[in-house]
């Protein structure tokens, strides 16, 4: 069995990720992992903000994705300029992708909020650990050596408008698409616009009472040669310290989430994805943990940040 035959034998999702090296790591608590979606999100918290997320997808399914994400962003002294850093590690089957991206955002006052334009640039390192594959032929030379790491540059762009009670954003998380040419055993860049994967986000805040608020939001993902995927979310917020959420990801999962703010600087989050796709019979759902901290945070109790 050679490598091409092995790829044909694995699930279609793993195959698509192996040969099409352009995808955005999925997180259920994406509203607080904004740099994964949109570089214009940098500085929007108006504080030096660090977010660490760990996601284990499709528990019990061998080779399922495992993702770690670290993002740090902050406005500069000028307040119009913000910078961010995004580092992620995404493992799917024998393949591993590690990305490091810098983000720049320029923010201007607009109406009652801020309009931000963002650019991102960085690299991705791709590697396949073929030596870990168990084959039917002992000592198969095709799988004796791991593939060399491949470094690929990429870019992102986006716009983000937000007020105290509303936000909307549009972005291209990864502009370049890299595909693997099996005949030449090399990666090549696809420049055609049909490979773009734009995303749209929007949300608002609805006051339900003195201690209760509702935050509905949505994320739309457009992938080439595939149906649009939508994340429809609703978070019930109690006294700005307890967030209970439910989401529906079309043809994929229902997500339940819990976020606790022990202080105005700390945010602890957990999300559980209950699978709805045809793969759901082969796994036990997905788990996601999030820790966020905002340094030097100064805020009035009547004006907290919800986005």
C-alpha atoms as a PDB file:
ATOM      1  CA  UNK A   1       0.000   0.000   0.000  1.00  0.00           C
ATOM      2  CA  UNK A   2       1.455   3.401  -0.996  1.00  0.00           C
ATOM      3  CA  UNK A   3       0.547   6.826   0.344  1.00  0.00           C
ATOM      4  CA  UNK A   4      -1.935   7.585  -2.411  1.00  0.00           C
ATOM      5  CA  UNK A   5      -3.835   4.359  -1.681  1.00  0.00           C
ATOM      6  CA  UNK A   6      -3.901   5.184   2.009  1.00  0.00           C
ATOM      7  CA  UNK A   7      -5.372   8.633   1.366  1.00  0.00           C
ATOM      8  CA  UNK A   8      -8.134   7.075  -0.706  1.00  0.00           C
ATOM      9  CA  UNK A   9      -9.072   4.857   2.213  1.00  0.00           C
ATOM     10  CA  UNK A  10      -9.564   7.535   4.874  1.00  0.00           C
ATOM     11  CA  UNK A  11     -12.691   9.657   5.393  1.00  0.00           C
ATOM     12  CA  UNK A  12     -13.366  12.392   2.870  1.00  0.00           C
ATOM     13  CA  UNK A  13     -12.746  15.180   5.356  1.00  0.00           C
ATOM     14  CA  UNK A  14      -9.262  13.998   6.204  1.00  0.00           C
ATOM     15  CA  UNK A  15      -8.528  13.671   2.503  1.00  0.00           C
ATOM     16  CA  UNK A  16      -9.664  17.204   1.763  1.00  0.00           C
ATOM     17  CA  UNK A  17      -7.528  18.625   4.554  1.00  0.00           C
ATOM     18  CA  UNK A  18      -4.513  16.643   3.412  1.00  0.00           C
ATOM     19  CA  UNK A  19      -4.553  17.804  -0.221  1.00  0.00           C
ATOM     20  CA  UNK A  20      -6.098  21.273   0.173  1.00  0.00           C
ATOM     21  CA  UNK A  21      -3.962  23.164   2.669  1.00  0.00           C
ATOM     22  CA  UNK A  22      -6.333  26.050   3.207  1.00  0.00           C
ATOM     23  CA  UNK A  23      -8.800  25.810   6.045  1.00  0.00           C
ATOM     24  CA  UNK A  24      -9.584  27.828   9.117  1.00  0.00           C
ATOM     25  CA  UNK A  25      -9.331  25.892  12.417  1.00  0.00           C
ATOM     26  CA  UNK A  26     -12.840  25.566  13.801  1.00  0.00           C
ATOM     27  CA  UNK A  27     -13.679  26.841  17.292  1.00  0.00           C
ATOM     28  CA  UNK A  28     -17.153  26.978  18.800  1.00  0.00           C
ATOM     29  CA  UNK A  29     -16.337  30.013  20.968  1.00  0.00           C
ATOM     30  CA  UNK A  30     -15.212  31.952  17.913  1.00  0.00           C
ATOM     31  CA  UNK A  31     -16.477  35.328  19.156  1.00  0.00           C
ATOM     32  CA  UNK A  32     -13.543  35.467  21.582  1.00  0.00           C
ATOM     33  CA  UNK A  33     -11.103  33.988  19.057  1.00  0.00           C
ATOM     34  CA  UNK A  34     -11.693  36.808  16.614  1.00  0.00           C
ATOM     35  CA  UNK A  35      -8.198  36.825  15.095  1.00  0.00           C
ATOM     36  CA  UNK A  36      -8.840  33.331  13.700  1.00  0.00           C
ATOM     37  CA  UNK A  37     -11.633  34.813  11.612  1.00  0.00           C
ATOM     38  CA  UNK A  38     -10.782  38.463  11.020  1.00  0.00           C
ATOM     39  CA  UNK A  39      -7.513  40.443  11.468  1.00  0.00           C
ATOM     40  CA  UNK A  40      -9.594  43.616  11.917  1.00  0.00           C
ATOM     41  CA  UNK A  41     -10.680  42.218  15.311  1.00  0.00           C
ATOM     42  CA  UNK A  42      -7.281  43.250  16.749  1.00  0.00           C
ATOM     43  CA  UNK A  43      -7.625  45.851  19.491  1.00  0.00           C
ATOM     44  CA  UNK A  44     -11.417  45.675  19.660  1.00  0.00           C
ATOM     45  CA  UNK A  45     -11.346  44.799  23.376  1.00  0.00           C
ATOM     46  CA  UNK A  46      -9.499  48.104  24.060  1.00  0.00           C
ATOM     47  CA  UNK A  47      -7.052  46.234  26.308  1.00  0.00           C
ATOM     48  CA  UNK A  48      -4.085  43.881  25.958  1.00  0.00           C
ATOM     49  CA  UNK A  49      -6.026  40.632  25.589  1.00  0.00           C
ATOM     50  CA  UNK A  50      -4.700  37.053  25.580  1.00  0.00           C
ATOM     51  CA  UNK A  51      -6.868  34.067  24.650  1.00  0.00           C
ATOM     52  CA  UNK A  52      -5.880  30.405  24.895  1.00  0.00           C
ATOM     53  CA  UNK A  53      -8.170  27.747  23.418  1.00  0.00           C
ATOM     54  CA  UNK A  54      -7.871  23.956  23.324  1.00  0.00           C
ATOM     55  CA  UNK A  55     -10.279  21.962  21.178  1.00  0.00           C
ATOM     56  CA  UNK A  56     -10.574  18.179  20.848  1.00  0.00           C
ATOM     57  CA  UNK A  57     -12.953  17.312  18.052  1.00  0.00           C
ATOM     58  CA  UNK A  58     -14.892  14.073  17.527  1.00  0.00           C
ATOM     59  CA  UNK A  59     -13.736  12.272  20.673  1.00  0.00           C
ATOM     60  CA  UNK A  60     -13.312   8.543  20.029  1.00  0.00           C
ATOM     61  CA  UNK A  61     -12.710   9.000  16.293  1.00  0.00           C
ATOM     62  CA  UNK A  62      -9.129   7.998  15.435  1.00  0.00           C
ATOM     63  CA  UNK A  63      -7.203  10.795  13.738  1.00  0.00           C
ATOM     64  CA  UNK A  64      -9.811  13.453  14.541  1.00  0.00           C
ATOM     65  CA  UNK A  65      -8.709  17.117  14.678  1.00  0.00           C
ATOM     66  CA  UNK A  66      -7.028  18.503  17.797  1.00  0.00           C
ATOM     67  CA  UNK A  67      -6.454  22.259  17.831  1.00  0.00           C
ATOM     68  CA  UNK A  68      -4.624  24.694  20.123  1.00  0.00           C
ATOM     69  CA  UNK A  69      -4.904  28.441  19.551  1.00  0.00           C
ATOM     70  CA  UNK A  70      -3.141  31.372  21.237  1.00  0.00           C
ATOM     71  CA  UNK A  71      -4.045  34.933  20.301  1.00  0.00           C
ATOM     72  CA  UNK A  72      -2.762  38.201  21.757  1.00  0.00           C
ATOM     73  CA  UNK A  73      -3.861  41.643  20.593  1.00  0.00           C
ATOM     74  CA  UNK A  74      -3.977  45.213  21.830  1.00  0.00           C
ATOM     75  CA  UNK A  75      -4.480  48.799  20.668  1.00  0.00           C
ATOM     76  CA  UNK A  76      -1.361  50.964  20.653  1.00  0.00           C
ATOM     77  CA  UNK A  77      -0.963  54.315  22.394  1.00  0.00           C
ATOM     78  CA  UNK A  78      -2.344  56.145  19.356  1.00  0.00           C
ATOM     79  CA  UNK A  79      -5.593  54.145  19.786  1.00  0.00           C
ATOM     80  CA  UNK A  80      -6.175  54.140  16.002  1.00  0.00           C
ATOM     81  CA  UNK A  81      -3.631  51.370  15.440  1.00  0.00           C
ATOM     82  CA  UNK A  82      -3.831  47.867  16.921  1.00  0.00           C
ATOM     83  CA  UNK A  83      -1.554  44.855  16.604  1.00  0.00           C
ATOM     84  CA  UNK A  84      -2.170  41.156  17.128  1.00  0.00           C
ATOM     85  CA  UNK A  85      -0.385  37.820  17.109  1.00  0.00           C
ATOM     86  CA  UNK A  86      -2.030  34.499  16.300  1.00  0.00           C
ATOM     87  CA  UNK A  87      -0.385  31.107  16.844  1.00  0.00           C
ATOM     88  CA  UNK A  88      -2.193  27.833  16.239  1.00  0.00           C
ATOM     89  CA  UNK A  89      -1.449  24.150  15.986  1.00  0.00           C
ATOM     90  CA  UNK A  90      -3.910  21.919  14.145  1.00  0.00           C
ATOM     91  CA  UNK A  91      -3.489  18.135  13.939  1.00  0.00           C
ATOM     92  CA  UNK A  92      -5.646  15.962  11.669  1.00  0.00           C
ATOM     93  CA  UNK A  93      -4.683  12.305  11.303  1.00  0.00           C
ATOM     94  CA  UNK A  94      -0.994  12.081  10.419  1.00  0.00           C
ATOM     95  CA  UNK A  95      -0.909  15.712   9.268  1.00  0.00           C
ATOM     96  CA  UNK A  96       0.098  18.657  11.432  1.00  0.00           C
ATOM     97  CA  UNK A  97      -0.287  22.339  10.583  1.00  0.00           C
ATOM     98  CA  UNK A  98       1.276  25.104  12.674  1.00  0.00           C
ATOM     99  CA  UNK A  99       0.636  28.738  11.847  1.00  0.00           C
ATOM    100  CA  UNK A 100       2.106  32.018  13.093  1.00  0.00           C
ATOM    101  CA  UNK A 101       0.428  35.225  11.904  1.00  0.00           C
ATOM    102  CA  UNK A 102       0.856  38.896  12.745  1.00  0.00           C
ATOM    103  CA  UNK A 103      -2.152  41.201  12.471  1.00  0.00           C
ATOM    104  CA  UNK A 104      -2.475  44.930  11.894  1.00  0.00           C
ATOM    105  CA  UNK A 105      -5.689  46.918  12.287  1.00  0.00           C
ATOM    106  CA  UNK A 106      -6.442  50.585  11.690  1.00  0.00           C
ATOM    107  CA  UNK A 107      -9.511  51.832  13.558  1.00  0.00           C
ATOM    108  CA  UNK A 108     -11.478  55.023  13.011  1.00  0.00           C
ATOM    109  CA  UNK A 109     -14.547  56.413  14.805  1.00  0.00           C
ATOM    110  CA  UNK A 110     -17.652  55.870  12.706  1.00  0.00           C
ATOM    111  CA  UNK A 111     -21.132  56.932  13.746  1.00  0.00           C
ATOM    112  CA  UNK A 112     -21.544  55.591  17.312  1.00  0.00           C
ATOM    113  CA  UNK A 113     -18.849  52.926  17.078  1.00  0.00           C
ATOM    114  CA  UNK A 114     -15.539  52.082  15.444  1.00  0.00           C
ATOM    115  CA  UNK A 115     -14.746  50.855  11.965  1.00  0.00           C
ATOM    116  CA  UNK A 116     -11.620  48.739  11.722  1.00  0.00           C
ATOM    117  CA  UNK A 117      -9.673  47.556   8.668  1.00  0.00           C
ATOM    118  CA  UNK A 118      -7.254  44.679   9.191  1.00  0.00           C
ATOM    119  CA  UNK A 119      -4.442  42.864   7.422  1.00  0.00           C
ATOM    120  CA  UNK A 120      -2.644  39.696   8.476  1.00  0.00           C
ATOM    121  CA  UNK A 121       0.530  38.006   7.261  1.00  0.00           C
ATOM    122  CA  UNK A 122       2.336  34.891   8.384  1.00  0.00           C
ATOM    123  CA  UNK A 123       3.476  31.381   7.627  1.00  0.00           C
ATOM    124  CA  UNK A 124       2.156  27.859   7.991  1.00  0.00           C
ATOM    125  CA  UNK A 125       4.324  24.787   8.536  1.00  0.00           C
ATOM    126  CA  UNK A 126       2.872  21.542   7.190  1.00  0.00           C
ATOM    127  CA  UNK A 127       4.216  18.105   8.045  1.00  0.00           C
ATOM    128  CA  UNK A 128       2.997  14.515   7.806  1.00  0.00           C
ATOM    129  CA  UNK A 129       4.157  11.832  10.256  1.00  0.00           C
ATOM    130  CA  UNK A 130       3.892   8.856   7.891  1.00  0.00           C
ATOM    131  CA  UNK A 131       6.001   6.644  10.185  1.00  0.00           C
ATOM    132  CA  UNK A 132       3.108   6.497  12.681  1.00  0.00           C
ATOM    133  CA  UNK A 133       0.779   4.810  10.160  1.00  0.00           C
ATOM    134  CA  UNK A 134       0.065   1.125  10.725  1.00  0.00           C
ATOM    135  CA  UNK A 135       0.064  -0.600   7.338  1.00  0.00           C
ATOM    136  CA  UNK A 136      -0.776  -4.096   6.165  1.00  0.00           C
ATOM    137  CA  UNK A 137       2.776  -4.488   4.857  1.00  0.00           C
ATOM    138  CA  UNK A 138       5.390  -4.540   7.653  1.00  0.00           C
ATOM    139  CA  UNK A 139       8.401  -2.368   6.890  1.00  0.00           C
ATOM    140  CA  UNK A 140       6.689  -0.567   3.986  1.00  0.00           C
ATOM    141  CA  UNK A 141       9.341   1.895   2.724  1.00  0.00           C
ATOM    142  CA  UNK A 142       6.658   4.404   1.660  1.00  0.00           C
ATOM    143  CA  UNK A 143       5.861   5.032   5.328  1.00  0.00           C
ATOM    144  CA  UNK A 144       9.308   4.618   6.868  1.00  0.00           C
ATOM    145  CA  UNK A 145      10.211   8.317   6.755  1.00  0.00           C
ATOM    146  CA  UNK A 146       8.164  11.358   7.754  1.00  0.00           C
ATOM    147  CA  UNK A 147       7.703  14.065   5.136  1.00  0.00           C
ATOM    148  CA  UNK A 148       9.828  17.207   5.289  1.00  0.00           C
ATOM    149  CA  UNK A 149       8.160  20.263   6.744  1.00  0.00           C
ATOM    150  CA  UNK A 150       6.760  22.621   4.105  1.00  0.00           C
ATOM    151  CA  UNK A 151       6.649  26.347   4.906  1.00  0.00           C
ATOM    152  CA  UNK A 152       3.863  28.273   3.187  1.00  0.00           C
ATOM    153  CA  UNK A 153       3.188  32.030   3.406  1.00  0.00           C
ATOM    154  CA  UNK A 154      -0.351  33.326   3.614  1.00  0.00           C
ATOM    155  CA  UNK A 155      -2.327  36.511   4.150  1.00  0.00           C
ATOM    156  CA  UNK A 156      -5.662  37.632   5.545  1.00  0.00           C
ATOM    157  CA  UNK A 157      -7.818  40.743   5.277  1.00  0.00           C
ATOM    158  CA  UNK A 158     -11.017  42.009   6.804  1.00  0.00           C
ATOM    159  CA  UNK A 159     -13.233  44.815   8.038  1.00  0.00           C
ATOM    160  CA  UNK A 160     -15.037  45.023  11.372  1.00  0.00           C
ATOM    161  CA  UNK A 161     -17.575  47.550  12.667  1.00  0.00           C
ATOM    162  CA  UNK A 162     -18.725  47.517  16.268  1.00  0.00           C
ATOM    163  CA  UNK A 163     -20.609  49.595  18.812  1.00  0.00           C
ATOM    164  CA  UNK A 164     -21.513  48.863  22.420  1.00  0.00           C
ATOM    165  CA  UNK A 165     -24.488  46.775  21.313  1.00  0.00           C
ATOM    166  CA  UNK A 166     -23.870  45.644  17.727  1.00  0.00           C
ATOM    167  CA  UNK A 167     -21.129  44.261  15.475  1.00  0.00           C
ATOM    168  CA  UNK A 168     -20.686  43.137  11.874  1.00  0.00           C
ATOM    169  CA  UNK A 169     -17.587  41.869  10.076  1.00  0.00           C
ATOM    170  CA  UNK A 170     -16.404  40.517   6.724  1.00  0.00           C
ATOM    171  CA  UNK A 171     -13.108  38.744   6.105  1.00  0.00           C
ATOM    172  CA  UNK A 172     -10.893  36.462   4.044  1.00  0.00           C
ATOM    173  CA  UNK A 173      -9.004  34.461   6.724  1.00  0.00           C
ATOM    174  CA  UNK A 174      -6.588  32.792   4.264  1.00  0.00           C
ATOM    175  CA  UNK A 175      -6.258  34.450   0.868  1.00  0.00           C
ATOM    176  CA  UNK A 176      -3.802  32.018  -0.711  1.00  0.00           C
ATOM    177  CA  UNK A 177      -4.782  28.419  -1.403  1.00  0.00           C
ATOM    178  CA  UNK A 178      -2.107  25.706  -1.520  1.00  0.00           C
ATOM    179  CA  UNK A 179      -2.893  22.402  -3.210  1.00  0.00           C
ATOM    180  CA  UNK A 180      -0.776  19.281  -3.458  1.00  0.00           C
ATOM    181  CA  UNK A 181       0.158  18.022  -6.920  1.00  0.00           C
ATOM    182  CA  UNK A 182       0.617  14.253  -6.540  1.00  0.00           C
ATOM    183  CA  UNK A 183       2.271  13.896  -9.952  1.00  0.00           C
ATOM    184  CA  UNK A 184       5.135  16.261  -9.068  1.00  0.00           C
ATOM    185  CA  UNK A 185       4.906  15.640  -5.287  1.00  0.00           C
ATOM    186  CA  UNK A 186       4.944  19.391  -4.705  1.00  0.00           C
ATOM    187  CA  UNK A 187       2.634  22.073  -3.330  1.00  0.00           C
ATOM    188  CA  UNK A 188       1.430  24.842  -5.612  1.00  0.00           C
ATOM    189  CA  UNK A 189      -0.419  28.114  -5.047  1.00  0.00           C
ATOM    190  CA  UNK A 190      -3.885  28.520  -6.528  1.00  0.00           C
ATOM    191  CA  UNK A 191      -4.626  32.184  -7.277  1.00  0.00           C
ATOM    192  CA  UNK A 192      -8.148  31.783  -8.630  1.00  0.00           C
ATOM    193  CA  UNK A 193     -10.898  33.610  -6.720  1.00  0.00           C
ATOM    194  CA  UNK A 194     -12.987  30.428  -6.579  1.00  0.00           C
ATOM    195  CA  UNK A 195     -10.610  29.183  -3.869  1.00  0.00           C
ATOM    196  CA  UNK A 196     -11.406  32.092  -1.537  1.00  0.00           C
ATOM    197  CA  UNK A 197     -13.294  31.266   1.660  1.00  0.00           C
ATOM    198  CA  UNK A 198     -14.952  34.515   2.848  1.00  0.00           C
ATOM    199  CA  UNK A 199     -16.696  34.801   6.205  1.00  0.00           C
ATOM    200  CA  UNK A 200     -19.396  37.125   7.506  1.00  0.00           C
ATOM    201  CA  UNK A 201     -20.203  37.721  11.170  1.00  0.00           C
ATOM    202  CA  UNK A 202     -22.859  39.800  12.929  1.00  0.00           C
ATOM    203  CA  UNK A 203     -24.481  40.069  16.332  1.00  0.00           C
ATOM    204  CA  UNK A 204     -26.361  42.338  18.671  1.00  0.00           C
ATOM    205  CA  UNK A 205     -27.313  42.717  22.327  1.00  0.00           C
ATOM    206  CA  UNK A 206     -30.916  42.714  23.587  1.00  0.00           C
ATOM    207  CA  UNK A 207     -31.732  43.841  27.123  1.00  0.00           C
ATOM    208  CA  UNK A 208     -34.236  41.514  28.835  1.00  0.00           C
ATOM    209  CA  UNK A 209     -34.216  43.041  32.311  1.00  0.00           C
ATOM    210  CA  UNK A 210     -32.053  44.600  34.983  1.00  0.00           C
ATOM    211  CA  UNK A 211     -29.791  41.518  35.246  1.00  0.00           C
ATOM    212  CA  UNK A 212     -30.411  39.652  31.999  1.00  0.00           C
ATOM    213  CA  UNK A 213     -29.372  40.197  28.392  1.00  0.00           C
ATOM    214  CA  UNK A 214     -29.559  38.134  25.205  1.00  0.00           C
ATOM    215  CA  UNK A 215     -26.818  38.161  22.578  1.00  0.00           C
ATOM    216  CA  UNK A 216     -27.810  36.541  19.251  1.00  0.00           C
ATOM    217  CA  UNK A 217     -25.068  36.252  16.618  1.00  0.00           C
ATOM    218  CA  UNK A 218     -24.217  34.422  13.419  1.00  0.00           C
ATOM    219  CA  UNK A 219     -21.170  33.317  11.449  1.00  0.00           C
ATOM    220  CA  UNK A 220     -21.457  32.458   7.735  1.00  0.00           C
ATOM    221  CA  UNK A 221     -18.657  30.495   6.023  1.00  0.00           C
ATOM    222  CA  UNK A 222     -18.455  30.278   2.252  1.00  0.00           C
ATOM    223  CA  UNK A 223     -16.272  27.476   0.878  1.00  0.00           C
ATOM    224  CA  UNK A 224     -15.537  26.733  -2.786  1.00  0.00           C
ATOM    225  CA  UNK A 225     -17.610  23.940  -4.334  1.00  0.00           C
ATOM    226  CA  UNK A 226     -19.533  23.442  -1.079  1.00  0.00           C
ATOM    227  CA  UNK A 227     -22.705  24.647   0.579  1.00  0.00           C
ATOM    228  CA  UNK A 228     -22.555  27.675   2.848  1.00  0.00           C
ATOM    229  CA  UNK A 229     -22.165  26.753   6.528  1.00  0.00           C
ATOM    230  CA  UNK A 230     -23.856  28.878   9.191  1.00  0.00           C
ATOM    231  CA  UNK A 231     -23.280  29.091  12.934  1.00  0.00           C
ATOM    232  CA  UNK A 232     -26.409  30.499  14.590  1.00  0.00           C
ATOM    233  CA  UNK A 233     -25.820  31.405  18.228  1.00  0.00           C
ATOM    234  CA  UNK A 234     -27.669  32.768  21.250  1.00  0.00           C
ATOM    235  CA  UNK A 235     -26.074  33.639  24.603  1.00  0.00           C
ATOM    236  CA  UNK A 236     -28.057  34.426  27.739  1.00  0.00           C
ATOM    237  CA  UNK A 237     -26.006  36.760  29.961  1.00  0.00           C
ATOM    238  CA  UNK A 238     -26.732  37.033  33.686  1.00  0.00           C
ATOM    239  CA  UNK A 239     -25.257  39.997  35.572  1.00  0.00           C
ATOM    240  CA  UNK A 240     -22.388  40.131  33.058  1.00  0.00           C
ATOM    241  CA  UNK A 241     -20.729  37.219  34.901  1.00  0.00           C
ATOM    242  CA  UNK A 242     -22.487  34.079  33.665  1.00  0.00           C
ATOM    243  CA  UNK A 243     -23.017  33.256  29.973  1.00  0.00           C
ATOM    244  CA  UNK A 244     -25.161  30.310  28.844  1.00  0.00           C
ATOM    245  CA  UNK A 245     -25.104  29.623  25.129  1.00  0.00           C
ATOM    246  CA  UNK A 246     -26.612  27.372  22.493  1.00  0.00           C
ATOM    247  CA  UNK A 247     -25.590  27.229  18.828  1.00  0.00           C
ATOM    248  CA  UNK A 248     -26.582  25.374  15.710  1.00  0.00           C
ATOM    249  CA  UNK A 249     -23.973  24.670  13.022  1.00  0.00           C
ATOM    250  CA  UNK A 250     -25.791  23.644   9.850  1.00  0.00           C
ATOM    251  CA  UNK A 251     -25.543  19.941   9.029  1.00  0.00           C
ATOM    252  CA  UNK A 252     -22.876  19.492  11.701  1.00  0.00           C
ATOM    253  CA  UNK A 253     -23.630  20.061  15.375  1.00  0.00           C
ATOM    254  CA  UNK A 254     -25.600  21.606  18.203  1.00  0.00           C
ATOM    255  CA  UNK A 255     -23.263  23.401  20.604  1.00  0.00           C
ATOM    256  CA  UNK A 256     -23.827  24.057  24.324  1.00  0.00           C
ATOM    257  CA  UNK A 257     -21.510  26.525  26.022  1.00  0.00           C
ATOM    258  CA  UNK A 258     -20.843  27.951  29.478  1.00  0.00           C
ATOM    259  CA  UNK A 259     -18.674  30.965  30.234  1.00  0.00           C
ATOM    260  CA  UNK A 260     -17.878  32.346  33.676  1.00  0.00           C
ATOM    261  CA  UNK A 261     -16.241  35.682  34.495  1.00  0.00           C
ATOM    262  CA  UNK A 262     -14.868  35.441  38.060  1.00  0.00           C
ATOM    263  CA  UNK A 263     -13.511  38.981  37.561  1.00  0.00           C
ATOM    264  CA  UNK A 264     -13.878  41.538  34.773  1.00  0.00           C
ATOM    265  CA  UNK A 265     -10.459  40.473  33.489  1.00  0.00           C
ATOM    266  CA  UNK A 266     -10.822  36.665  33.524  1.00  0.00           C
ATOM    267  CA  UNK A 267     -13.081  34.635  31.256  1.00  0.00           C
ATOM    268  CA  UNK A 268     -13.327  30.832  31.521  1.00  0.00           C
ATOM    269  CA  UNK A 269     -15.278  28.966  28.855  1.00  0.00           C
ATOM    270  CA  UNK A 270     -16.328  25.437  27.946  1.00  0.00           C
ATOM    271  CA  UNK A 271     -18.243  24.249  24.878  1.00  0.00           C
ATOM    272  CA  UNK A 272     -19.573  20.828  23.929  1.00  0.00           C
ATOM    273  CA  UNK A 273     -20.513  19.969  20.344  1.00  0.00           C
ATOM    274  CA  UNK A 274     -23.182  17.317  19.884  1.00  0.00           C
ATOM    275  CA  UNK A 275     -22.610  15.976  16.373  1.00  0.00           C
ATOM    276  CA  UNK A 276     -25.450  15.777  13.845  1.00  0.00           C
ATOM    277  CA  UNK A 277     -23.567  14.713  10.704  1.00  0.00           C
ATOM    278  CA  UNK A 278     -23.182  11.180   9.375  1.00  0.00           C
ATOM    279  CA  UNK A 279     -19.923  10.925  11.348  1.00  0.00           C
ATOM    280  CA  UNK A 280     -21.760  11.388  14.667  1.00  0.00           C
ATOM    281  CA  UNK A 281     -22.301   7.644  15.095  1.00  0.00           C
ATOM    282  CA  UNK A 282     -18.511   7.178  15.200  1.00  0.00           C
ATOM    283  CA  UNK A 283     -17.601   9.724  17.892  1.00  0.00           C
ATOM    284  CA  UNK A 284     -18.709  11.145  21.242  1.00  0.00           C
ATOM    285  CA  UNK A 285     -18.884  14.841  20.446  1.00  0.00           C
ATOM    286  CA  UNK A 286     -16.285  17.605  20.688  1.00  0.00           C
ATOM    287  CA  UNK A 287     -14.906  19.460  23.719  1.00  0.00           C
ATOM    288  CA  UNK A 288     -13.439  22.945  23.852  1.00  0.00           C
ATOM    289  CA  UNK A 289     -11.817  24.865  26.720  1.00  0.00           C
ATOM    290  CA  UNK A 290     -11.032  28.584  26.674  1.00  0.00           C
ATOM    291  CA  UNK A 291      -9.144  30.938  28.990  1.00  0.00           C
ATOM    292  CA  UNK A 292      -9.043  34.677  28.362  1.00  0.00           C
ATOM    293  CA  UNK A 293      -7.310  37.401  30.341  1.00  0.00           C
ATOM    294  CA  UNK A 294      -7.241  41.156  29.799  1.00  0.00           C
ATOM    295  CA  UNK A 295      -4.229  43.007  31.186  1.00  0.00           C
ATOM    296  CA  UNK A 296      -4.443  46.493  32.670  1.00  0.00           C
ATOM    297  CA  UNK A 297      -8.186  46.449  32.254  1.00  0.00           C
ATOM    298  CA  UNK A 298     -10.052  49.587  33.322  1.00  0.00           C
ATOM    299  CA  UNK A 299     -13.764  49.651  32.672  1.00  0.00           C
ATOM    300  CA  UNK A 300     -16.918  51.158  34.087  1.00  0.00           C
ATOM    301  CA  UNK A 301     -19.468  48.672  35.420  1.00  0.00           C
ATOM    302  CA  UNK A 302     -22.164  50.205  33.194  1.00  0.00           C
ATOM    303  CA  UNK A 303     -20.039  49.824  30.048  1.00  0.00           C
ATOM    304  CA  UNK A 304     -18.656  46.231  29.822  1.00  0.00           C
ATOM    305  CA  UNK A 305     -17.479  44.569  26.599  1.00  0.00           C
ATOM    306  CA  UNK A 306     -19.711  41.934  25.036  1.00  0.00           C
ATOM    307  CA  UNK A 307     -17.956  41.462  21.665  1.00  0.00           C
END
